[in-house]
Amino acid sequence: MINKRLLIKNLLAHNDESSFYDKKRKIELGTKEGKAKFLKHVCALSNSNPKNNSYIVVGVEDETNAINGVDFFDDSKIQNLINAYLTNPPLIIYENVAFPHLSNHKVVGLVSIRPTEEITSLRKNIWKYWGGSIFMRDGSISMPKDFDIIIKDVNSEIVKSIENKAKNNIEHTLDGVIEFINDKHKDLPSFYHVFKEQFVVCWAGTIKKVKGVSYYSRVDIEFINEQVRLFYSNLDEVSISYNEHEFRIIEYVHLGLNNQYKYYPLEEVIITFNENGSYQMDTVLLFKPPQFNKRTLYHIFNANNAIIEKLKKEIPLNNSEQTDLKNLPATYLICFLNDFTEAKDKLYEAKSFLKNQEDAVYTSYKETVRILRKMKYS
């Protein structure tokens, strides 16, 4: 197994970006431009390094290599984006890697790209890139190529060396468990479990028992062997169950109107550990959108739009509007789930104004966007 934190350090130490490695301050998958640029880089790395894994490190300053991190990003449908827009799509995995110096809600994103050894190209138009375009790495830049390509494998030894240096060992695993329990979560109940005598999962959170089932809020779950954060949220609740073979997480979202709220199952993540030292992770979307009275939703949708207009014009909100602002991201989500198709666009348009509000409002926005992302790419 590869310790992903060590892998990122080794990649950052390897000169600069190349035909098998790129680094980004952040990626934006909420816009067509952001998706197009991400697809371009995945396509270029897959083509330029056809026999080895390639990597994109997210949350790192380009010039200084400073590790500032990004928000936790979990999206089981990111492969669907790749499959929808690329011909001969590589297999990609996005993982959230914990670093000790970052605050709890920050991680470093690691995109691992496993190529097909065939030429990858854009399947259809997106943003300013034409369907059929082929991209390659030219030094640290992803460039379009419009001719037949013969690719030489020049990276195998380098990539193999970097990955070998990042292999996990018992010292790294023990340090990871101690760090998780004693340093990161001194104020929370913390737990760990060992699977198949070698895999270690740690979790922490505030516990609430309902009908014999434990639910966790302020949840942090890490796969210690690889230093990968599996789940993190300050808002939503999860249930955790496990046996000798599997670790299961079910995430719930708290939605409702007029002080009548319920927890709705959103997604289940199942990690299956095998005797041969391998594991697999499967994700199942469980969400069934709640339905509400359309007349009530029309009132809420229009009230939300009026609040955003006031924020645009820098007009102070009254006390009632301040209360509605705290719920605005979640109520826009409910409107969208009840066939108010414009609500999602309105929510995205509101980002810059919500970002300037108190932390709870912008955190609610990010959690709401995360739910939308899990459901479907626009």
Protein backbone atom coordinates (compact mmCIF):
# COMPACT_ATOMS: atom_id res chain seq x y z
CA MET A 1 0.00 0.00 0.00
CA ILE A 2 1.11 3.53 -0.75
CA ASN A 3 1.05 6.19 1.95
CA LYS A 4 -0.53 9.03 -0.02
CA ARG A 5 0.93 11.75 2.20
CA LEU A 6 4.46 10.45 1.49
CA LEU A 7 3.62 10.14 -2.19
CA ILE A 8 2.59 13.81 -2.37
CA LYS A 9 5.78 14.87 -0.59
CA ASN A 10 7.87 12.82 -3.01
CA LEU A 11 6.05 14.28 -6.01
CA LEU A 12 6.58 17.82 -4.74
CA ALA A 13 10.27 17.06 -4.19
CA HIS A 14 10.65 15.81 -7.79
CA ASN A 15 11.74 18.98 -9.58
CA ASP A 16 8.70 20.53 -11.25
CA GLU A 17 5.54 19.44 -13.04
CA SER A 18 6.18 17.02 -15.87
CA SER A 19 4.55 14.50 -18.18
CA PHE A 20 3.37 12.43 -15.19
CA TYR A 21 2.64 15.08 -12.57
CA ASP A 22 0.79 18.38 -12.23
CA LYS A 23 -0.10 20.57 -9.28
CA LYS A 24 -2.95 23.01 -8.81
CA ARG A 25 -3.94 25.55 -6.20
CA LYS A 26 -7.53 24.33 -6.67
CA ILE A 27 -9.84 22.81 -9.23
CA GLU A 28 -13.34 24.06 -10.01
CA LEU A 29 -15.80 21.40 -11.15
CA GLY A 30 -18.87 23.57 -10.65
CA THR A 31 -18.41 25.47 -13.93
CA LYS A 32 -17.99 24.46 -17.57
CA GLU A 33 -14.62 26.23 -17.68
CA GLY A 34 -13.40 24.43 -14.57
CA LYS A 35 -14.54 21.03 -15.85
CA ALA A 36 -12.96 21.67 -19.26
CA LYS A 37 -9.57 22.57 -17.77
CA PHE A 38 -9.65 19.52 -15.50
CA LEU A 39 -10.51 17.25 -18.43
CA LYS A 40 -7.71 18.79 -20.48
CA HIS A 41 -5.11 18.00 -17.81
CA VAL A 42 -6.39 14.44 -17.26
CA CYS A 43 -6.34 13.84 -21.02
CA ALA A 44 -2.82 15.25 -21.40
CA LEU A 45 -1.35 13.25 -18.51
CA SER A 46 -3.02 10.03 -19.69
CA ASN A 47 -1.57 10.50 -23.20
CA SER A 48 1.89 11.65 -22.11
CA ASN A 49 2.46 8.86 -19.58
CA PRO A 50 0.69 5.83 -21.10
CA LYS A 51 2.26 3.02 -19.05
CA ASN A 52 2.33 4.50 -15.53
CA ASN A 53 0.17 6.27 -13.00
CA SER A 54 0.04 10.05 -13.33
CA TYR A 55 -0.94 12.46 -10.58
CA ILE A 56 -2.49 15.87 -10.00
CA VAL A 57 -1.86 17.39 -6.56
CA VAL A 58 -4.51 19.94 -5.52
CA GLY A 59 -3.98 22.53 -2.79
CA VAL A 60 -0.36 23.49 -3.51
CA GLU A 61 1.04 26.87 -4.55
CA ASP A 62 2.63 26.63 -7.97
CA GLU A 63 5.78 28.67 -7.42
CA THR A 64 6.63 27.92 -3.78
CA ASN A 65 5.20 24.38 -3.32
CA ALA A 66 3.52 25.68 -0.15
CA ILE A 67 0.87 23.19 0.99
CA ASN A 68 -2.19 25.33 1.82
CA GLY A 69 -4.81 22.65 1.19
CA VAL A 70 -8.36 22.78 -0.14
CA ASP A 71 -11.79 21.91 1.23
CA PHE A 72 -12.64 18.23 1.62
CA PHE A 73 -14.02 17.03 -1.72
CA ASP A 74 -15.93 13.78 -2.08
CA ASP A 75 -17.62 12.95 -5.33
CA SER A 76 -18.33 9.40 -6.40
CA LYS A 77 -19.40 10.66 -9.84
CA ILE A 78 -16.11 12.23 -10.89
CA GLN A 79 -15.37 9.14 -13.02
CA ASN A 80 -18.73 9.71 -14.73
CA LEU A 81 -17.49 13.13 -15.85
CA ILE A 82 -14.36 11.56 -17.33
CA ASN A 83 -16.36 8.82 -19.07
CA ALA A 84 -18.87 11.31 -20.48
CA TYR A 85 -16.32 13.65 -22.05
CA LEU A 86 -13.29 11.53 -22.94
CA THR A 87 -12.76 8.80 -25.53
CA ASN A 88 -10.60 5.99 -24.11
CA PRO A 89 -11.05 7.47 -20.63
CA PRO A 90 -8.46 6.62 -17.98
CA LEU A 91 -9.50 5.39 -14.54
CA ILE A 92 -9.18 8.24 -12.07
CA ILE A 93 -9.51 8.45 -8.30
CA TYR A 94 -9.77 11.65 -6.24
CA GLU A 95 -8.57 11.23 -2.66
CA ASN A 96 -8.45 13.64 0.28
CA VAL A 97 -5.09 13.40 2.04
CA ALA A 98 -4.65 14.71 5.58
CA PHE A 99 -1.60 16.81 6.53
CA PRO A 100 -0.85 17.57 10.21
CA HIS A 101 -0.29 21.31 9.78
CA LEU A 102 -3.62 21.92 7.99
CA SER A 103 -6.82 22.76 9.86
CA ASN A 104 -9.34 19.92 10.21
CA HIS A 105 -11.50 21.00 7.27
CA LYS A 106 -8.52 21.29 4.89
CA VAL A 107 -6.81 18.47 2.98
CA VAL A 108 -4.60 18.03 -0.06
CA GLY A 109 -6.42 16.56 -3.05
CA LEU A 110 -4.70 13.77 -4.95
CA VAL A 111 -5.97 12.76 -8.40
CA SER A 112 -4.51 9.43 -9.52
CA ILE A 113 -4.77 8.70 -13.26
CA ARG A 114 -4.40 5.17 -14.61
CA PRO A 115 -4.07 5.32 -18.41
CA THR A 116 -5.53 2.96 -21.01
CA GLU A 117 -2.36 2.88 -23.17
CA GLU A 118 -4.58 4.23 -25.98
CA ILE A 119 -4.91 7.80 -27.22
CA THR A 120 -7.38 9.72 -25.04
CA SER A 121 -9.31 12.57 -26.64
CA LEU A 122 -12.29 14.81 -25.97
CA ARG A 123 -15.52 13.06 -26.94
CA LYS A 124 -17.53 16.27 -27.36
CA ASN A 125 -17.25 20.05 -27.10
CA ILE A 126 -16.85 21.64 -23.70
CA TRP A 127 -16.15 25.33 -23.04
CA LYS A 128 -13.64 26.44 -25.72
CA TYR A 129 -12.28 22.95 -26.47
CA TRP A 130 -13.57 21.03 -29.48
CA GLY A 131 -14.68 17.43 -29.50
CA GLY A 132 -11.92 15.24 -30.95
CA SER A 133 -9.13 17.36 -29.44
CA ILE A 134 -6.04 15.51 -28.19
CA PHE A 135 -3.88 17.00 -25.43
CA MET A 136 -0.29 16.25 -24.45
CA ARG A 137 2.08 17.55 -21.80
CA ASP A 138 4.73 19.97 -23.03
CA GLY A 139 6.88 20.37 -19.93
CA SER A 140 4.48 21.65 -17.28
CA ILE A 141 1.79 22.71 -19.77
CA SER A 142 -1.08 20.69 -21.27
CA MET A 143 -1.15 21.48 -24.99
CA PRO A 144 -3.51 20.48 -27.82
CA LYS A 145 -2.10 18.23 -30.55
CA ASP A 146 -3.84 17.66 -33.87
CA PHE A 147 -1.68 14.97 -35.44
CA ASP A 148 -0.88 11.28 -35.01
CA ILE A 149 1.19 10.68 -31.92
CA ILE A 150 3.89 8.17 -31.13
CA ILE A 151 4.43 8.19 -27.38
CA LYS A 152 7.65 7.00 -25.82
CA ASP A 153 7.65 5.65 -22.29
CA VAL A 154 10.30 7.68 -20.49
CA ASN A 155 8.78 7.75 -17.00
CA SER A 156 8.51 4.15 -15.78
CA GLU A 157 11.66 4.15 -13.66
CA ILE A 158 11.00 7.59 -12.21
CA VAL A 159 7.37 6.86 -11.29
CA LYS A 160 8.29 3.45 -9.87
CA SER A 161 10.99 5.03 -7.69
CA ILE A 162 8.64 7.74 -6.37
CA GLU A 163 5.91 5.22 -5.55
CA ASN A 164 8.36 2.80 -3.89
CA LYS A 165 9.60 5.54 -1.59
CA ALA A 166 5.99 6.17 -0.53
CA LYS A 167 5.16 2.61 0.53
CA ASN A 168 3.54 2.35 3.94
CA ASN A 169 5.09 0.61 6.94
CA ILE A 170 4.06 -0.17 10.52
CA GLU A 171 5.76 2.93 11.91
CA HIS A 172 3.77 5.23 9.61
CA THR A 173 0.56 3.39 10.51
CA LEU A 174 1.11 3.62 14.28
CA ASP A 175 2.11 7.28 14.01
CA GLY A 176 -1.06 7.92 12.01
CA VAL A 177 -3.32 6.33 14.64
CA ILE A 178 -1.65 8.23 17.51
CA GLU A 179 -1.79 11.50 15.58
CA PHE A 180 -5.49 11.02 14.77
CA ILE A 181 -6.55 10.22 18.33
CA ASN A 182 -4.18 12.33 20.45
CA ASP A 183 -3.57 15.39 18.27
CA LYS A 184 -6.39 15.92 15.81
CA HIS A 185 -9.36 15.00 17.97
CA LYS A 186 -8.51 15.55 21.63
CA ASP A 187 -12.01 16.92 22.25
CA LEU A 188 -13.96 14.09 20.56
CA PRO A 189 -14.49 10.37 21.20
CA SER A 190 -12.16 8.55 18.80
CA PHE A 191 -12.08 4.92 17.68
CA TYR A 192 -10.08 2.60 15.46
CA HIS A 193 -10.48 -0.89 14.04
CA VAL A 194 -8.01 -3.23 12.36
CA PHE A 195 -9.22 -5.25 9.36
CA LYS A 196 -7.47 -8.38 8.07
CA GLU A 197 -4.55 -7.72 10.47
CA GLN A 198 -3.24 -4.84 8.35
CA PHE A 199 -5.86 -2.23 7.43
CA VAL A 200 -6.62 0.47 10.05
CA VAL A 201 -9.62 2.81 9.95
CA CYS A 202 -9.98 5.61 12.54
CA TRP A 203 -13.04 7.74 13.18
CA ALA A 204 -14.09 10.50 15.57
CA GLY A 205 -17.27 12.44 16.19
CA THR A 206 -19.98 13.47 18.60
CA ILE A 207 -22.14 10.41 19.29
CA LYS A 208 -25.92 10.32 19.53
CA LYS A 209 -27.84 7.06 20.01
CA VAL A 210 -31.30 6.63 18.49
CA LYS A 211 -33.10 3.29 18.90
CA GLY A 212 -29.83 1.50 19.53
CA VAL A 213 -28.06 2.96 16.48
CA SER A 214 -25.08 5.31 16.96
CA TYR A 215 -25.02 8.44 14.81
CA TYR A 216 -21.99 10.70 14.55
CA SER A 217 -21.81 14.43 13.88
CA ARG A 218 -18.64 16.55 13.49
CA VAL A 219 -17.39 13.41 11.79
CA ASP A 220 -13.85 12.66 10.60
CA ILE A 221 -13.02 9.22 9.16
CA GLU A 222 -9.55 8.26 7.89
CA PHE A 223 -8.01 5.21 6.26
CA ILE A 224 -4.74 5.38 8.16
CA ASN A 225 -2.65 3.08 5.95
CA GLU A 226 -2.90 5.52 3.05
CA GLN A 227 -3.47 8.73 5.05
CA VAL A 228 -6.70 9.23 3.10
CA ARG A 229 -9.64 11.03 4.65
CA LEU A 230 -12.80 9.08 3.79
CA PHE A 231 -15.35 11.51 5.19
CA TYR A 232 -15.44 14.91 6.87
CA SER A 233 -18.38 17.15 7.73
CA ASN A 234 -19.30 19.64 10.45
CA LEU A 235 -22.99 19.53 9.53
CA ASP A 236 -24.29 16.19 8.32
CA GLU A 237 -24.60 13.01 10.36
CA VAL A 238 -23.43 9.51 9.56
CA SER A 239 -23.98 6.01 10.86
CA ILE A 240 -21.01 3.64 11.00
CA SER A 241 -21.08 -0.14 11.00
CA TYR A 242 -18.41 -2.76 10.44
CA ASN A 243 -17.57 -6.44 10.64
CA GLU A 244 -14.36 -8.36 10.02
CA HIS A 245 -14.61 -7.79 6.24
CA GLU A 246 -16.31 -4.42 5.71
CA PHE A 247 -16.55 -0.84 6.94
CA ARG A 248 -19.78 0.96 6.05
CA ILE A 249 -20.66 4.64 6.22
CA ILE A 250 -24.17 5.98 5.58
CA GLU A 251 -24.38 9.77 5.31
CA TYR A 252 -27.61 11.60 6.18
CA VAL A 253 -28.65 15.14 5.29
CA HIS A 254 -30.87 17.32 7.47
CA LEU A 255 -33.54 19.00 5.33
CA GLY A 256 -36.89 20.61 5.96
CA LEU A 257 -39.00 23.77 6.08
CA ASN A 258 -40.67 25.83 8.80
CA ASN A 259 -38.80 24.12 11.65
CA GLN A 260 -39.93 20.66 10.53
CA TYR A 261 -36.80 18.74 9.61
CA LYS A 262 -35.90 15.12 8.92
CA TYR A 263 -32.73 13.16 8.28
CA TYR A 264 -32.63 11.67 4.77
CA PRO A 265 -30.10 8.96 3.75
CA LEU A 266 -27.82 10.45 1.11
CA GLU A 267 -25.07 7.98 0.28
CA GLU A 268 -23.53 4.72 1.48
CA VAL A 269 -19.81 3.99 1.19
CA ILE A 270 -18.71 0.36 1.58
CA ILE A 271 -15.03 -0.53 1.96
CA THR A 272 -14.34 -4.25 1.55
CA PHE A 273 -10.98 -5.56 2.78
CA ASN A 274 -9.49 -8.70 1.22
CA GLU A 275 -7.09 -11.32 2.55
CA ASN A 276 -4.58 -10.62 -0.22
CA GLY A 277 -3.82 -7.10 1.00
CA SER A 278 -6.18 -5.35 -1.41
CA TYR A 279 -9.41 -3.46 -0.79
CA GLN A 280 -12.22 -1.95 -2.81
CA MET A 281 -14.51 0.97 -2.20
CA ASP A 282 -18.07 1.12 -3.53
CA THR A 283 -20.49 4.04 -3.32
CA VAL A 284 -24.28 3.84 -3.55
CA LEU A 285 -26.48 6.95 -3.79
CA LEU A 286 -29.51 6.45 -1.52
CA PHE A 287 -31.09 9.88 -1.74
CA LYS A 288 -34.82 10.23 -2.47
CA PRO A 289 -35.61 13.96 -2.61
CA PRO A 290 -38.28 15.13 -0.16
CA GLN A 291 -41.35 16.75 -1.73
CA PHE A 292 -42.98 19.92 -0.37
CA ASN A 293 -45.96 22.14 -1.08
CA LYS A 294 -45.33 24.06 -4.31
CA ARG A 295 -47.06 27.23 -3.12
CA THR A 296 -44.80 27.39 -0.07
CA LEU A 297 -41.75 26.81 -2.24
CA TYR A 298 -42.71 29.62 -4.64
CA HIS A 299 -42.75 31.99 -1.66
CA ILE A 300 -39.36 30.74 -0.41
CA PHE A 301 -37.77 30.82 -3.88
CA ASN A 302 -38.85 34.42 -4.47
CA ALA A 303 -37.77 35.44 -0.95
CA ASN A 304 -34.32 33.92 -1.55
CA ASN A 305 -34.00 35.78 -4.85
CA ALA A 306 -34.93 39.05 -3.12
CA ILE A 307 -32.26 38.47 -0.45
CA ILE A 308 -29.58 37.89 -3.09
CA GLU A 309 -30.62 41.06 -4.91
CA LYS A 310 -30.23 43.00 -1.66
CA LEU A 311 -26.78 41.52 -1.11
CA LYS A 312 -25.81 42.48 -4.68
CA LYS A 313 -26.88 46.07 -4.05
CA GLU A 314 -25.37 46.10 -0.53
CA ILE A 315 -28.74 46.85 1.04
CA PRO A 316 -28.89 45.79 4.74
CA LEU A 317 -31.10 42.80 5.53
CA ASN A 318 -33.78 42.96 8.21
CA ASN A 319 -33.86 40.41 11.07
CA SER A 320 -36.23 38.05 9.26
CA GLU A 321 -34.07 38.11 6.13
CA GLN A 322 -30.94 37.46 8.22
CA THR A 323 -32.60 34.30 9.54
CA ASP A 324 -33.65 33.25 6.03
CA LEU A 325 -30.11 33.86 4.78
CA LYS A 326 -28.76 31.14 7.09
CA ASN A 327 -31.14 28.65 5.47
CA LEU A 328 -30.84 29.99 1.92
CA PRO A 329 -28.49 27.34 0.46
CA ALA A 330 -30.58 24.47 1.87
CA THR A 331 -33.90 26.00 0.78
CA TYR A 332 -32.55 26.64 -2.75
CA LEU A 333 -31.60 22.95 -2.77
CA ILE A 334 -35.12 21.92 -1.71
CA CYS A 335 -36.58 24.13 -4.45
CA PHE A 336 -34.31 22.52 -7.05
CA LEU A 337 -35.28 19.04 -5.86
CA ASN A 338 -38.92 20.02 -6.33
CA ASP A 339 -38.54 21.01 -10.01
CA PHE A 340 -37.55 24.66 -9.59
CA THR A 341 -34.80 24.17 -12.16
CA GLU A 342 -33.50 27.76 -11.87
CA ALA A 343 -32.76 27.31 -8.17
CA LYS A 344 -29.44 25.56 -8.78
CA ASP A 345 -28.17 28.35 -11.03
CA LYS A 346 -29.35 30.94 -8.51
CA LEU A 347 -27.43 29.11 -5.78
CA TYR A 348 -24.21 29.07 -7.82
CA GLU A 349 -24.65 32.75 -8.71
CA ALA A 350 -24.97 33.56 -5.01
CA LYS A 351 -21.56 32.07 -4.10
CA SER A 352 -19.56 35.30 -4.11
CA PHE A 353 -22.13 37.05 -1.90
CA LEU A 354 -22.51 34.15 0.54
CA LYS A 355 -18.73 33.87 0.84
CA ASN A 356 -18.69 37.31 2.48
CA GLN A 357 -21.24 36.31 5.14
CA GLU A 358 -20.56 34.60 8.47
CA ASP A 359 -18.81 31.24 8.34
CA ALA A 360 -21.98 29.20 9.00
CA VAL A 361 -23.68 30.59 5.87
CA TYR A 362 -20.77 29.82 3.53
CA THR A 363 -20.25 26.39 5.15
CA SER A 364 -23.92 25.65 4.46
CA TYR A 365 -23.37 26.70 0.84
CA LYS A 366 -20.41 24.34 0.41
CA GLU A 367 -22.30 21.43 2.00
CA THR A 368 -25.29 22.08 -0.28
CA VAL A 369 -23.09 22.13 -3.38
CA ARG A 370 -21.50 18.89 -2.21
CA ILE A 371 -24.93 17.22 -2.16
CA LEU A 372 -25.71 18.49 -5.66
CA ARG A 373 -22.35 17.24 -6.88
CA LYS A 374 -23.03 13.77 -5.52
CA MET A 375 -26.35 13.63 -7.36
CA LYS A 376 -25.35 14.67 -10.85
CA TYR A 377 -22.98 16.80 -12.93
CA SER A 378 -24.81 19.54 -14.78
